[in-house]
Amino acid sequence: MHTKTRTRALSALALTLALGAGLTACGDDAASSGNSGSATEVSTTEHNDADVTFASDMITHHAQALSMVDLTLDRTLDPEVQALAEDIRAAQGPEIETMADWLTKWGEEVPETMRDHANAGHDMDDMSDNMDDMGHDDMPGMMSADDMDALENASDAAFQDMWLEMMIEHHEGAVEMAETETEDGQFKDAVDLAGQIIDAQKQEIDTMQGLLDS
């Protein structure tokens, strides 16, 4: 009798331990799954749709910034503003080339921009009309054709402050686009570039705001 009771007790204990182990394993799986998060895993070779969108849109965005820089060439500006304009040209020109190379490598179309028309000998009016046709003015921070015309035709007295105000808005849009890439992008080089754009353009925003306030 004692033997049967002891056997039943051991069997019950074994069953309890087995169930407990199973529950622990399930709990571990759930914790592991929960810790995986929803962030995209970054890759040095693979890319996703967010990377394509980032590169395509930022090429267009950068191209407009360079067109705005072009409008400073025949203007008399404070040395700090002229230096800032040249810094923007020096940074964003190579970034356009880098992103165009990515799109080509990925078999994606490189977008047509205002710069293509400028290089083809069209004037700002032609470029502005074409920008509206391409429908890019709904990107964050993008200037409309009317905005670009107003900047080009501004008086010398009004141009510098107008340029700074518009470029601040333009940079803020670029930062927003880059932040989306850091959250959703997969291709490491693109995510890294987005981070660099955020840091550089936030710093330039602070500089431009300081110039406006001075």
N, C-alpha and C. Protein backbone atom coordinates (compact mmCIF):
# COMPACT_ATOMS: atom_id res chain seq x y z
N MET A 1 0.83 -1.21 0.00
CA MET A 1 0.00 0.00 0.00
C MET A 1 0.86 1.25 0.00
N HIS A 2 1.86 1.22 0.86
CA HIS A 2 2.78 2.36 0.91
C HIS A 2 3.52 2.52 -0.41
N THR A 3 3.85 1.38 -1.02
CA THR A 3 4.58 1.43 -2.30
C THR A 3 3.74 2.08 -3.37
N LYS A 4 2.41 1.69 -3.44
CA LYS A 4 1.53 2.28 -4.46
C LYS A 4 1.36 3.78 -4.25
N THR A 5 1.22 4.15 -2.99
CA THR A 5 1.04 5.59 -2.69
C THR A 5 2.27 6.37 -3.10
N ARG A 6 3.42 5.81 -2.77
CA ARG A 6 4.68 6.49 -3.11
C ARG A 6 4.85 6.60 -4.63
N THR A 7 4.47 5.54 -5.34
CA THR A 7 4.58 5.55 -6.81
C THR A 7 3.69 6.63 -7.40
N ARG A 8 2.44 6.71 -6.87
CA ARG A 8 1.53 7.74 -7.38
C ARG A 8 2.07 9.15 -7.11
N ALA A 9 2.65 9.31 -5.92
CA ALA A 9 3.19 10.63 -5.55
C ALA A 9 4.33 11.02 -6.47
N LEU A 10 5.21 10.06 -6.78
CA LEU A 10 6.34 10.34 -7.67
C LEU A 10 5.85 10.66 -9.08
N SER A 11 4.81 9.92 -9.51
CA SER A 11 4.26 10.17 -10.85
C SER A 11 3.66 11.57 -10.94
N ALA A 12 2.94 11.95 -9.88
CA ALA A 12 2.34 13.28 -9.86
C ALA A 12 3.42 14.35 -9.87
N LEU A 13 4.49 14.11 -9.11
CA LEU A 13 5.59 15.08 -9.07
C LEU A 13 6.25 15.22 -10.43
N ALA A 14 6.45 14.09 -11.10
CA ALA A 14 7.07 14.11 -12.43
C ALA A 14 6.21 14.88 -13.41
N LEU A 15 4.89 14.67 -13.34
CA LEU A 15 3.97 15.36 -14.24
C LEU A 15 4.00 16.86 -13.98
N THR A 16 4.03 17.22 -12.72
CA THR A 16 4.08 18.65 -12.35
C THR A 16 5.35 19.30 -12.88
N LEU A 17 6.48 18.61 -12.72
CA LEU A 17 7.75 19.14 -13.21
C LEU A 17 7.75 19.28 -14.72
N ALA A 18 7.16 18.29 -15.41
CA ALA A 18 7.11 18.32 -16.87
C ALA A 18 6.27 19.50 -17.35
N LEU A 19 5.11 19.69 -16.71
CA LEU A 19 4.23 20.81 -17.07
C LEU A 19 4.92 22.14 -16.81
N GLY A 20 5.62 22.22 -15.68
CA GLY A 20 6.32 23.45 -15.35
C GLY A 20 7.40 23.76 -16.35
N ALA A 21 8.13 22.73 -16.77
CA ALA A 21 9.18 22.94 -17.77
C ALA A 21 8.60 23.42 -19.08
N GLY A 22 7.44 22.83 -19.45
CA GLY A 22 6.80 23.24 -20.69
C GLY A 22 6.36 24.67 -20.65
N LEU A 23 5.77 25.07 -19.51
CA LEU A 23 5.33 26.46 -19.37
C LEU A 23 6.51 27.42 -19.40
N THR A 24 7.61 27.02 -18.77
CA THR A 24 8.80 27.86 -18.77
C THR A 24 9.33 28.04 -20.17
N ALA A 25 9.33 26.94 -20.95
CA ALA A 25 9.81 27.02 -22.33
C ALA A 25 8.95 27.95 -23.15
N CYS A 26 7.62 27.83 -22.96
CA CYS A 26 6.71 28.72 -23.68
C CYS A 26 6.96 30.16 -23.30
N GLY A 27 7.18 30.36 -21.98
CA GLY A 27 7.44 31.72 -21.51
C GLY A 27 8.71 32.27 -22.11
N ASP A 28 9.74 31.42 -22.23
CA ASP A 28 11.00 31.86 -22.83
C ASP A 28 10.79 32.23 -24.29
N ASP A 29 10.00 31.43 -25.01
CA ASP A 29 9.74 31.73 -26.42
C ASP A 29 9.03 33.05 -26.56
N ALA A 30 8.04 33.29 -25.68
CA ALA A 30 7.28 34.54 -25.74
C ALA A 30 8.18 35.72 -25.45
N ALA A 31 9.05 35.56 -24.44
CA ALA A 31 9.96 36.66 -24.11
C ALA A 31 10.91 36.93 -25.25
N SER A 32 11.40 35.82 -25.86
CA SER A 32 12.32 35.98 -26.98
C SER A 32 11.64 36.69 -28.13
N SER A 33 10.39 36.29 -28.40
CA SER A 33 9.64 36.92 -29.48
C SER A 33 9.38 38.38 -29.17
N GLY A 34 9.06 38.68 -27.92
CA GLY A 34 8.77 40.04 -27.54
C GLY A 34 9.99 40.93 -27.62
N ASN A 35 11.18 40.37 -27.38
CA ASN A 35 12.40 41.16 -27.41
C ASN A 35 12.89 41.45 -28.81
N SER A 36 12.31 40.75 -29.81
CA SER A 36 12.79 40.94 -31.17
C SER A 36 12.44 42.32 -31.69
N GLY A 37 11.36 42.94 -31.18
CA GLY A 37 10.98 44.28 -31.59
C GLY A 37 10.48 44.31 -33.01
N SER A 38 10.14 45.53 -33.46
CA SER A 38 9.60 45.69 -34.81
C SER A 38 10.55 46.45 -35.72
N ALA A 39 11.72 46.85 -35.20
CA ALA A 39 12.67 47.60 -36.01
C ALA A 39 13.23 46.72 -37.12
N THR A 40 13.48 47.34 -38.29
CA THR A 40 14.04 46.61 -39.41
C THR A 40 15.50 46.26 -39.13
N GLU A 41 15.87 45.02 -39.42
CA GLU A 41 17.26 44.61 -39.23
C GLU A 41 18.12 45.19 -40.34
N VAL A 42 19.19 45.86 -39.96
CA VAL A 42 20.06 46.53 -40.92
C VAL A 42 20.97 45.51 -41.59
N SER A 43 21.21 45.71 -42.90
CA SER A 43 22.04 44.80 -43.69
C SER A 43 23.06 45.60 -44.49
N THR A 44 24.22 45.02 -44.68
CA THR A 44 25.24 45.67 -45.50
C THR A 44 25.05 45.39 -46.99
N THR A 45 24.15 44.47 -47.30
CA THR A 45 23.95 44.08 -48.71
C THR A 45 22.52 44.23 -49.19
N GLU A 46 21.54 43.98 -48.30
CA GLU A 46 20.14 43.99 -48.71
C GLU A 46 19.52 45.38 -48.51
N HIS A 47 18.49 45.67 -49.31
CA HIS A 47 17.76 46.93 -49.16
C HIS A 47 16.26 46.66 -49.22
N ASN A 48 15.47 47.64 -48.81
CA ASN A 48 14.02 47.49 -48.86
C ASN A 48 13.37 48.71 -49.52
N ASP A 49 12.05 48.73 -49.54
CA ASP A 49 11.33 49.83 -50.20
C ASP A 49 11.61 51.17 -49.54
N ALA A 50 11.80 51.16 -48.22
CA ALA A 50 12.09 52.42 -47.53
C ALA A 50 13.40 53.03 -48.01
N ASP A 51 14.39 52.18 -48.28
CA ASP A 51 15.68 52.66 -48.80
C ASP A 51 15.51 53.30 -50.18
N VAL A 52 14.71 52.65 -51.03
CA VAL A 52 14.47 53.18 -52.38
C VAL A 52 13.76 54.53 -52.30
N THR A 53 12.75 54.61 -51.46
CA THR A 53 12.01 55.86 -51.29
C THR A 53 12.92 56.96 -50.76
N PHE A 54 13.72 56.62 -49.77
CA PHE A 54 14.65 57.60 -49.19
C PHE A 54 15.60 58.15 -50.24
N ALA A 55 16.25 57.25 -50.98
CA ALA A 55 17.23 57.68 -51.98
C ALA A 55 16.56 58.51 -53.08
N SER A 56 15.43 58.04 -53.57
CA SER A 56 14.74 58.73 -54.67
C SER A 56 14.28 60.13 -54.24
N ASP A 57 13.62 60.18 -53.09
CA ASP A 57 13.08 61.46 -52.63
C ASP A 57 14.18 62.42 -52.19
N MET A 58 15.22 61.89 -51.56
CA MET A 58 16.28 62.78 -51.08
C MET A 58 17.10 63.34 -52.23
N ILE A 59 17.23 62.59 -53.33
CA ILE A 59 17.89 63.15 -54.51
C ILE A 59 17.13 64.38 -54.99
N THR A 60 15.82 64.26 -55.10
CA THR A 60 14.99 65.37 -55.54
C THR A 60 15.07 66.53 -54.55
N HIS A 61 15.04 66.20 -53.26
CA HIS A 61 15.09 67.22 -52.22
C HIS A 61 16.42 67.96 -52.25
N HIS A 62 17.51 67.21 -52.30
CA HIS A 62 18.84 67.82 -52.37
C HIS A 62 18.99 68.68 -53.63
N ALA A 63 18.44 68.21 -54.74
CA ALA A 63 18.57 68.96 -55.99
C ALA A 63 17.94 70.34 -55.87
N GLN A 64 16.80 70.42 -55.18
CA GLN A 64 16.19 71.73 -55.00
C GLN A 64 17.06 72.62 -54.10
N ALA A 65 17.64 72.03 -53.07
CA ALA A 65 18.53 72.81 -52.20
C ALA A 65 19.69 73.38 -53.00
N LEU A 66 20.25 72.58 -53.91
CA LEU A 66 21.36 73.07 -54.74
C LEU A 66 20.89 74.17 -55.69
N SER A 67 19.66 74.07 -56.18
CA SER A 67 19.12 75.14 -57.02
C SER A 67 18.95 76.42 -56.21
N MET A 68 18.57 76.29 -54.95
CA MET A 68 18.49 77.46 -54.08
C MET A 68 19.87 78.05 -53.83
N VAL A 69 20.88 77.19 -53.70
CA VAL A 69 22.25 77.66 -53.56
C VAL A 69 22.69 78.41 -54.82
N ASP A 70 22.29 77.89 -55.98
CA ASP A 70 22.64 78.56 -57.24
C ASP A 70 22.15 80.01 -57.27
N LEU A 71 21.00 80.25 -56.64
CA LEU A 71 20.42 81.60 -56.66
C LEU A 71 21.23 82.58 -55.82
N THR A 72 22.17 82.09 -55.01
CA THR A 72 23.00 82.99 -54.20
C THR A 72 24.20 83.52 -54.98
N LEU A 73 24.48 82.93 -56.14
CA LEU A 73 25.75 83.22 -56.82
C LEU A 73 25.88 84.67 -57.26
N ASP A 74 24.79 85.28 -57.67
CA ASP A 74 24.84 86.66 -58.15
C ASP A 74 24.35 87.65 -57.10
N ARG A 75 24.29 87.23 -55.87
CA ARG A 75 23.82 88.09 -54.79
C ARG A 75 24.97 88.48 -53.86
N THR A 76 24.83 89.65 -53.25
CA THR A 76 25.78 90.08 -52.24
C THR A 76 25.24 89.65 -50.88
N LEU A 77 25.94 88.71 -50.26
CA LEU A 77 25.49 88.12 -49.01
C LEU A 77 26.53 88.33 -47.92
N ASP A 78 26.10 88.21 -46.67
CA ASP A 78 27.06 88.19 -45.58
C ASP A 78 27.99 87.00 -45.78
N PRO A 79 29.26 87.15 -45.41
CA PRO A 79 30.22 86.06 -45.62
C PRO A 79 29.78 84.73 -44.98
N GLU A 80 29.14 84.81 -43.82
CA GLU A 80 28.70 83.59 -43.13
C GLU A 80 27.62 82.87 -43.94
N VAL A 81 26.75 83.63 -44.57
CA VAL A 81 25.68 83.04 -45.36
C VAL A 81 26.25 82.43 -46.64
N GLN A 82 27.18 83.13 -47.28
CA GLN A 82 27.80 82.60 -48.48
C GLN A 82 28.58 81.32 -48.18
N ALA A 83 29.27 81.30 -47.04
CA ALA A 83 30.01 80.09 -46.66
C ALA A 83 29.06 78.93 -46.40
N LEU A 84 27.92 79.22 -45.76
CA LEU A 84 26.93 78.18 -45.51
C LEU A 84 26.39 77.61 -46.81
N ALA A 85 26.11 78.49 -47.78
CA ALA A 85 25.61 78.03 -49.08
C ALA A 85 26.62 77.10 -49.75
N GLU A 86 27.88 77.44 -49.67
CA GLU A 86 28.91 76.60 -50.28
C GLU A 86 29.07 75.28 -49.54
N ASP A 87 28.89 75.31 -48.22
CA ASP A 87 28.93 74.06 -47.45
C ASP A 87 27.80 73.12 -47.89
N ILE A 88 26.62 73.69 -48.12
CA ILE A 88 25.48 72.89 -48.57
C ILE A 88 25.78 72.27 -49.93
N ARG A 89 26.37 73.07 -50.83
CA ARG A 89 26.72 72.54 -52.15
C ARG A 89 27.75 71.40 -52.02
N ALA A 90 28.76 71.62 -51.18
CA ALA A 90 29.83 70.63 -51.05
C ALA A 90 29.33 69.32 -50.46
N ALA A 91 28.34 69.38 -49.57
CA ALA A 91 27.83 68.17 -48.94
C ALA A 91 26.81 67.45 -49.80
N GLN A 92 25.87 68.20 -50.35
CA GLN A 92 24.72 67.56 -50.98
C GLN A 92 24.97 67.11 -52.41
N GLY A 93 25.90 67.74 -53.12
CA GLY A 93 26.24 67.27 -54.46
C GLY A 93 26.74 65.82 -54.45
N PRO A 94 27.77 65.52 -53.65
CA PRO A 94 28.25 64.14 -53.57
C PRO A 94 27.20 63.17 -53.03
N GLU A 95 26.35 63.62 -52.12
CA GLU A 95 25.31 62.73 -51.59
C GLU A 95 24.32 62.34 -52.69
N ILE A 96 24.00 63.27 -53.58
CA ILE A 96 23.13 62.95 -54.71
C ILE A 96 23.77 61.85 -55.56
N GLU A 97 25.06 61.99 -55.84
CA GLU A 97 25.75 60.99 -56.66
C GLU A 97 25.75 59.62 -55.97
N THR A 98 25.97 59.61 -54.67
CA THR A 98 25.97 58.35 -53.92
C THR A 98 24.61 57.66 -54.01
N MET A 99 23.55 58.43 -53.79
CA MET A 99 22.21 57.84 -53.80
C MET A 99 21.80 57.40 -55.20
N ALA A 100 22.24 58.15 -56.22
CA ALA A 100 21.96 57.74 -57.59
C ALA A 100 22.66 56.42 -57.91
N ASP A 101 23.87 56.25 -57.40
CA ASP A 101 24.60 54.99 -57.59
C ASP A 101 23.85 53.83 -56.94
N TRP A 102 23.30 54.05 -55.75
CA TRP A 102 22.52 52.99 -55.10
C TRP A 102 21.32 52.59 -55.95
N LEU A 103 20.58 53.58 -56.41
CA LEU A 103 19.38 53.28 -57.20
C LEU A 103 19.74 52.51 -58.47
N THR A 104 20.82 52.92 -59.12
CA THR A 104 21.26 52.22 -60.33
C THR A 104 21.63 50.78 -60.00
N LYS A 105 22.35 50.58 -58.92
CA LYS A 105 22.76 49.23 -58.51
C LYS A 105 21.54 48.38 -58.18
N TRP A 106 20.50 48.99 -57.63
CA TRP A 106 19.30 48.25 -57.26
C TRP A 106 18.34 48.05 -58.42
N GLY A 107 18.68 48.57 -59.59
CA GLY A 107 17.80 48.45 -60.74
C GLY A 107 16.61 49.38 -60.68
N GLU A 108 16.72 50.46 -59.92
CA GLU A 108 15.64 51.43 -59.77
C GLU A 108 15.93 52.67 -60.62
N GLU A 109 14.87 53.38 -60.96
CA GLU A 109 15.01 54.59 -61.78
C GLU A 109 15.55 55.74 -60.94
N VAL A 110 16.51 56.45 -61.48
CA VAL A 110 17.02 57.66 -60.83
C VAL A 110 16.09 58.81 -61.21
N PRO A 111 15.52 59.52 -60.23
CA PRO A 111 14.50 60.53 -60.55
C PRO A 111 15.06 61.72 -61.32
N GLU A 112 14.21 62.26 -62.17
CA GLU A 112 14.54 63.51 -62.86
C GLU A 112 14.36 64.65 -61.88
N THR A 113 15.28 65.61 -61.90
CA THR A 113 15.23 66.72 -60.93
C THR A 113 15.37 68.06 -61.63
N MET A 114 15.21 69.12 -60.82
CA MET A 114 15.42 70.49 -61.31
C MET A 114 16.83 70.65 -61.86
N ARG A 115 17.80 69.95 -61.28
CA ARG A 115 19.19 70.10 -61.70
C ARG A 115 19.40 69.58 -63.11
N ASP A 116 18.67 68.55 -63.50
CA ASP A 116 18.79 68.03 -64.86
C ASP A 116 18.41 69.11 -65.87
N HIS A 117 17.37 69.87 -65.55
CA HIS A 117 16.93 70.91 -66.47
C HIS A 117 17.89 72.10 -66.46
N ALA A 118 18.46 72.37 -65.28
CA ALA A 118 19.43 73.45 -65.20
C ALA A 118 20.66 73.12 -66.04
N ASN A 119 21.11 71.88 -65.95
CA ASN A 119 22.29 71.46 -66.71
C ASN A 119 22.00 71.41 -68.21
N ALA A 120 20.71 71.29 -68.55
CA ALA A 120 20.33 71.26 -69.97
C ALA A 120 20.14 72.67 -70.54
N GLY A 121 20.37 73.68 -69.71
CA GLY A 121 20.31 75.04 -70.21
C GLY A 121 18.97 75.72 -70.06
N HIS A 122 18.03 75.13 -69.32
CA HIS A 122 16.75 75.77 -69.08
C HIS A 122 16.89 76.82 -67.98
N ASP A 123 16.02 77.84 -68.03
CA ASP A 123 16.08 78.86 -66.98
C ASP A 123 15.21 78.44 -65.80
N MET A 124 15.20 79.27 -64.76
CA MET A 124 14.50 78.92 -63.53
C MET A 124 13.00 78.79 -63.76
N ASP A 125 12.43 79.60 -64.66
CA ASP A 125 11.00 79.48 -64.94
C ASP A 125 10.67 78.10 -65.49
N ASP A 126 11.50 77.63 -66.42
CA ASP A 126 11.29 76.29 -66.98
C ASP A 126 11.40 75.23 -65.89
N MET A 127 12.39 75.39 -65.02
CA MET A 127 12.60 74.41 -63.97
C MET A 127 11.44 74.41 -62.99
N SER A 128 10.93 75.58 -62.65
CA SER A 128 9.83 75.67 -61.72
C SER A 128 8.57 75.04 -62.29
N ASP A 129 8.29 75.32 -63.57
CA ASP A 129 7.13 74.72 -64.21
C ASP A 129 7.26 73.21 -64.23
N ASN A 130 8.46 72.73 -64.51
CA ASN A 130 8.67 71.29 -64.58
C ASN A 130 8.56 70.65 -63.21
N MET A 131 8.97 71.38 -62.17
CA MET A 131 8.86 70.86 -60.82
C MET A 131 7.41 70.62 -60.46
N ASP A 132 6.54 71.54 -60.83
CA ASP A 132 5.12 71.36 -60.57
C ASP A 132 4.58 70.16 -61.34
N ASP A 133 5.05 69.98 -62.58
CA ASP A 133 4.60 68.85 -63.38
C ASP A 133 5.01 67.52 -62.73
N MET A 134 6.20 67.50 -62.11
CA MET A 134 6.68 66.27 -61.49
C MET A 134 5.99 66.01 -60.15
N GLY A 135 5.34 67.02 -59.58
CA GLY A 135 4.57 66.82 -58.37
C GLY A 135 5.39 66.55 -57.12
N HIS A 136 6.58 67.18 -57.02
CA HIS A 136 7.45 66.93 -55.88
C HIS A 136 7.25 67.93 -54.76
N ASP A 137 6.40 68.92 -54.93
CA ASP A 137 6.29 69.95 -53.92
C ASP A 137 5.51 69.51 -52.69
N ASP A 138 5.05 68.23 -52.67
CA ASP A 138 4.37 67.73 -51.49
C ASP A 138 5.33 67.01 -50.54
N MET A 139 6.61 66.92 -50.89
CA MET A 139 7.61 66.36 -49.97
C MET A 139 7.82 67.34 -48.82
N PRO A 140 8.19 66.82 -47.65
CA PRO A 140 8.44 67.72 -46.51
C PRO A 140 9.50 68.76 -46.83
N GLY A 141 9.16 70.02 -46.62
CA GLY A 141 10.12 71.10 -46.78
C GLY A 141 10.37 71.56 -48.20
N MET A 142 9.74 70.93 -49.18
CA MET A 142 9.97 71.34 -50.58
C MET A 142 9.29 72.66 -50.87
N MET A 143 10.00 73.51 -51.60
CA MET A 143 9.44 74.77 -52.04
C MET A 143 8.58 74.55 -53.29
N SER A 144 7.52 75.32 -53.41
CA SER A 144 6.70 75.27 -54.61
C SER A 144 7.36 76.08 -55.71
N ALA A 145 6.82 75.97 -56.92
CA ALA A 145 7.32 76.78 -58.04
C ALA A 145 7.18 78.26 -57.71
N ASP A 146 6.08 78.65 -57.09
CA ASP A 146 5.88 80.06 -56.72
C ASP A 146 6.91 80.51 -55.69
N ASP A 147 7.24 79.63 -54.75
CA ASP A 147 8.27 79.96 -53.75
C ASP A 147 9.61 80.22 -54.43
N MET A 148 9.97 79.35 -55.36
CA MET A 148 11.26 79.50 -56.05
C MET A 148 11.27 80.77 -56.90
N ASP A 149 10.16 81.07 -57.53
CA ASP A 149 10.07 82.31 -58.32
C ASP A 149 10.21 83.53 -57.41
N ALA A 150 9.56 83.48 -56.25
CA ALA A 150 9.63 84.61 -55.32
C ALA A 150 11.05 84.82 -54.83
N LEU A 151 11.76 83.72 -54.56
CA LEU A 151 13.14 83.82 -54.11
C LEU A 151 14.03 84.39 -55.20
N GLU A 152 13.86 83.90 -56.41
CA GLU A 152 14.69 84.38 -57.52
C GLU A 152 14.47 85.87 -57.77
N ASN A 153 13.23 86.33 -57.62
CA ASN A 153 12.89 87.71 -57.95
C ASN A 153 12.91 88.64 -56.75
N ALA A 154 13.33 88.15 -55.60
CA ALA A 154 13.38 89.00 -54.40
C ALA A 154 14.42 90.10 -54.57
N SER A 155 14.15 91.23 -53.93
CA SER A 155 15.11 92.33 -53.96
C SER A 155 16.36 91.91 -53.19
N ASP A 156 17.47 92.61 -53.46
CA ASP A 156 18.70 92.30 -52.75
C ASP A 156 18.53 92.46 -51.24
N ALA A 157 17.72 93.44 -50.84
CA ALA A 157 17.52 93.69 -49.41
C ALA A 157 16.76 92.55 -48.74
N ALA A 158 15.86 91.91 -49.49
CA ALA A 158 15.02 90.86 -48.91
C ALA A 158 15.56 89.46 -49.13
N PHE A 159 16.47 89.31 -50.10
CA PHE A 159 16.86 87.96 -50.53
C PHE A 159 17.47 87.13 -49.41
N GLN A 160 18.43 87.68 -48.68
CA GLN A 160 19.18 86.87 -47.73
C GLN A 160 18.27 86.27 -46.65
N ASP A 161 17.44 87.10 -46.04
CA ASP A 161 16.55 86.57 -45.00
C ASP A 161 15.55 85.57 -45.58
N MET A 162 15.04 85.85 -46.80
CA MET A 162 14.11 84.92 -47.42
C MET A 162 14.79 83.59 -47.69
N TRP A 163 16.01 83.63 -48.16
CA TRP A 163 16.76 82.41 -48.45
C TRP A 163 16.99 81.59 -47.18
N LEU A 164 17.37 82.27 -46.12
CA LEU A 164 17.61 81.57 -44.85
C LEU A 164 16.32 80.94 -44.33
N GLU A 165 15.24 81.68 -44.37
CA GLU A 165 13.96 81.14 -43.89
C GLU A 165 13.51 79.93 -44.70
N MET A 166 13.66 80.02 -46.02
CA MET A 166 13.26 78.91 -46.87
C MET A 166 14.17 77.71 -46.69
N MET A 167 15.47 77.97 -46.52
CA MET A 167 16.40 76.85 -46.36
C MET A 167 16.22 76.16 -45.01
N ILE A 168 15.83 76.91 -43.98
CA ILE A 168 15.52 76.28 -42.69
C ILE A 168 14.35 75.32 -42.87
N GLU A 169 13.30 75.78 -43.53
CA GLU A 169 12.14 74.92 -43.76
C GLU A 169 12.52 73.70 -44.60
N HIS A 170 13.37 73.94 -45.60
CA HIS A 170 13.82 72.86 -46.47
C HIS A 170 14.62 71.82 -45.67
N HIS A 171 15.52 72.29 -44.83
CA HIS A 171 16.32 71.38 -44.00
C HIS A 171 15.44 70.59 -43.03
N GLU A 172 14.46 71.25 -42.45
CA GLU A 172 13.56 70.55 -41.52
C GLU A 172 12.85 69.40 -42.22
N GLY A 173 12.48 69.61 -43.48
CA GLY A 173 11.87 68.53 -44.26
C GLY A 173 12.84 67.39 -44.50
N ALA A 174 14.09 67.73 -44.80
CA ALA A 174 15.10 66.69 -45.02
C ALA A 174 15.33 65.87 -43.76
N VAL A 175 15.35 66.54 -42.62
CA VAL A 175 15.53 65.84 -41.34
C VAL A 175 14.37 64.87 -41.12
N GLU A 176 13.16 65.31 -41.41
CA GLU A 176 11.99 64.44 -41.26
C GLU A 176 12.11 63.20 -42.15
N MET A 177 12.51 63.39 -43.39
CA MET A 177 12.66 62.26 -44.31
C MET A 177 13.76 61.32 -43.85
N ALA A 178 14.86 61.90 -43.36
CA ALA A 178 15.98 61.08 -42.90
C ALA A 178 15.62 60.29 -41.65
N GLU A 179 14.82 60.88 -40.77
CA GLU A 179 14.40 60.17 -39.56
C GLU A 179 13.54 58.95 -39.93
N THR A 180 12.71 59.09 -40.95
CA THR A 180 11.92 57.95 -41.41
C THR A 180 12.83 56.82 -41.90
N GLU A 181 13.89 57.18 -42.60
CA GLU A 181 14.83 56.17 -43.08
C GLU A 181 15.54 55.47 -41.93
N THR A 182 15.93 56.21 -40.90
CA THR A 182 16.61 55.56 -39.77
C THR A 182 15.69 54.59 -39.05
N GLU A 183 14.38 54.81 -39.12
CA GLU A 183 13.42 53.92 -38.48
C GLU A 183 13.06 52.72 -39.35
N ASP A 184 12.93 52.95 -40.66
CA ASP A 184 12.38 51.92 -41.55
C ASP A 184 13.38 51.32 -42.53
N GLY A 185 14.52 51.95 -42.73
CA GLY A 185 15.47 51.50 -43.75
C GLY A 185 16.18 50.22 -43.36
N GLN A 186 16.68 49.52 -44.37
CA GLN A 186 17.40 48.26 -44.15
C GLN A 186 18.86 48.35 -44.57
N PHE A 187 19.15 49.08 -45.66
CA PHE A 187 20.51 49.14 -46.20
C PHE A 187 21.37 50.02 -45.29
N LYS A 188 22.42 49.46 -44.72
CA LYS A 188 23.19 50.14 -43.69
C LYS A 188 23.76 51.48 -44.16
N ASP A 189 24.30 51.51 -45.37
CA ASP A 189 24.88 52.76 -45.86
C ASP A 189 23.83 53.87 -45.96
N ALA A 190 22.61 53.49 -46.36
CA ALA A 190 21.53 54.48 -46.46
C ALA A 190 21.11 54.96 -45.08
N VAL A 191 21.00 54.03 -44.14
CA VAL A 191 20.64 54.41 -42.77
C VAL A 191 21.72 55.30 -42.16
N ASP A 192 22.98 54.96 -42.42
CA ASP A 192 24.08 55.78 -41.91
C ASP A 192 24.05 57.18 -42.53
N LEU A 193 23.81 57.26 -43.83
CA LEU A 193 23.74 58.57 -44.48
C LEU A 193 22.60 59.39 -43.91
N ALA A 194 21.47 58.74 -43.66
CA ALA A 194 20.33 59.44 -43.06
C ALA A 194 20.72 60.05 -41.72
N GLY A 195 21.46 59.30 -40.92
CA GLY A 195 21.92 59.82 -39.64
C GLY A 195 22.84 61.02 -39.80
N GLN A 196 23.71 60.96 -40.81
CA GLN A 196 24.61 62.08 -41.07
C GLN A 196 23.84 63.32 -41.51
N ILE A 197 22.82 63.10 -42.34
CA ILE A 197 21.99 64.22 -42.80
C ILE A 197 21.28 64.87 -41.62
N ILE A 198 20.75 64.05 -40.72
CA ILE A 198 20.08 64.59 -39.54
C ILE A 198 21.03 65.47 -38.73
N ASP A 199 22.21 64.95 -38.44
CA ASP A 199 23.17 65.71 -37.62
C ASP A 199 23.61 67.00 -38.31
N ALA A 200 23.98 66.89 -39.59
CA ALA A 200 24.51 68.06 -40.30
C ALA A 200 23.44 69.13 -40.50
N GLN A 201 22.25 68.70 -40.88
CA GLN A 201 21.24 69.71 -41.20
C GLN A 201 20.63 70.33 -39.95
N LYS A 202 20.56 69.59 -38.86
CA LYS A 202 20.13 70.20 -37.60
C LYS A 202 21.12 71.28 -37.17
N GLN A 203 22.40 71.00 -37.34
CA GLN A 203 23.42 71.98 -36.99
C GLN A 203 23.31 73.22 -37.89
N GLU A 204 23.06 72.99 -39.19
CA GLU A 204 22.91 74.12 -40.11
C GLU A 204 21.64 74.92 -39.82
N ILE A 205 20.59 74.23 -39.39
CA ILE A 205 19.36 74.95 -38.99
C ILE A 205 19.68 75.90 -37.84
N ASP A 206 20.40 75.42 -36.86
CA ASP A 206 20.78 76.27 -35.72
C ASP A 206 21.60 77.47 -36.19
N THR A 207 22.53 77.21 -37.11
CA THR A 207 23.36 78.30 -37.65
C THR A 207 22.52 79.33 -38.36
N MET A 208 21.60 78.86 -39.22
CA MET A 208 20.76 79.80 -39.99
C MET A 208 19.81 80.58 -39.09
N GLN A 209 19.28 79.90 -38.07
CA GLN A 209 18.40 80.62 -37.14
C GLN A 209 19.17 81.69 -36.41
N GLY A 210 20.41 81.38 -36.05
CA GLY A 210 21.25 82.37 -35.39
C GLY A 210 21.54 83.56 -36.30
N LEU A 211 21.76 83.31 -37.59
CA LEU A 211 22.00 84.41 -38.54
C LEU A 211 20.78 85.29 -38.69
N LEU A 212 19.61 84.66 -38.68
CA LEU A 212 18.36 85.45 -38.77
C LEU A 212 18.13 86.30 -37.53
N ASP A 213 18.52 85.77 -36.39
CA ASP A 213 18.27 86.46 -35.13
C ASP A 213 19.30 87.54 -34.84
N SER A 214 20.41 87.51 -35.56
CA SER A 214 21.49 88.46 -35.26
C SER A 214 21.21 89.84 -35.84
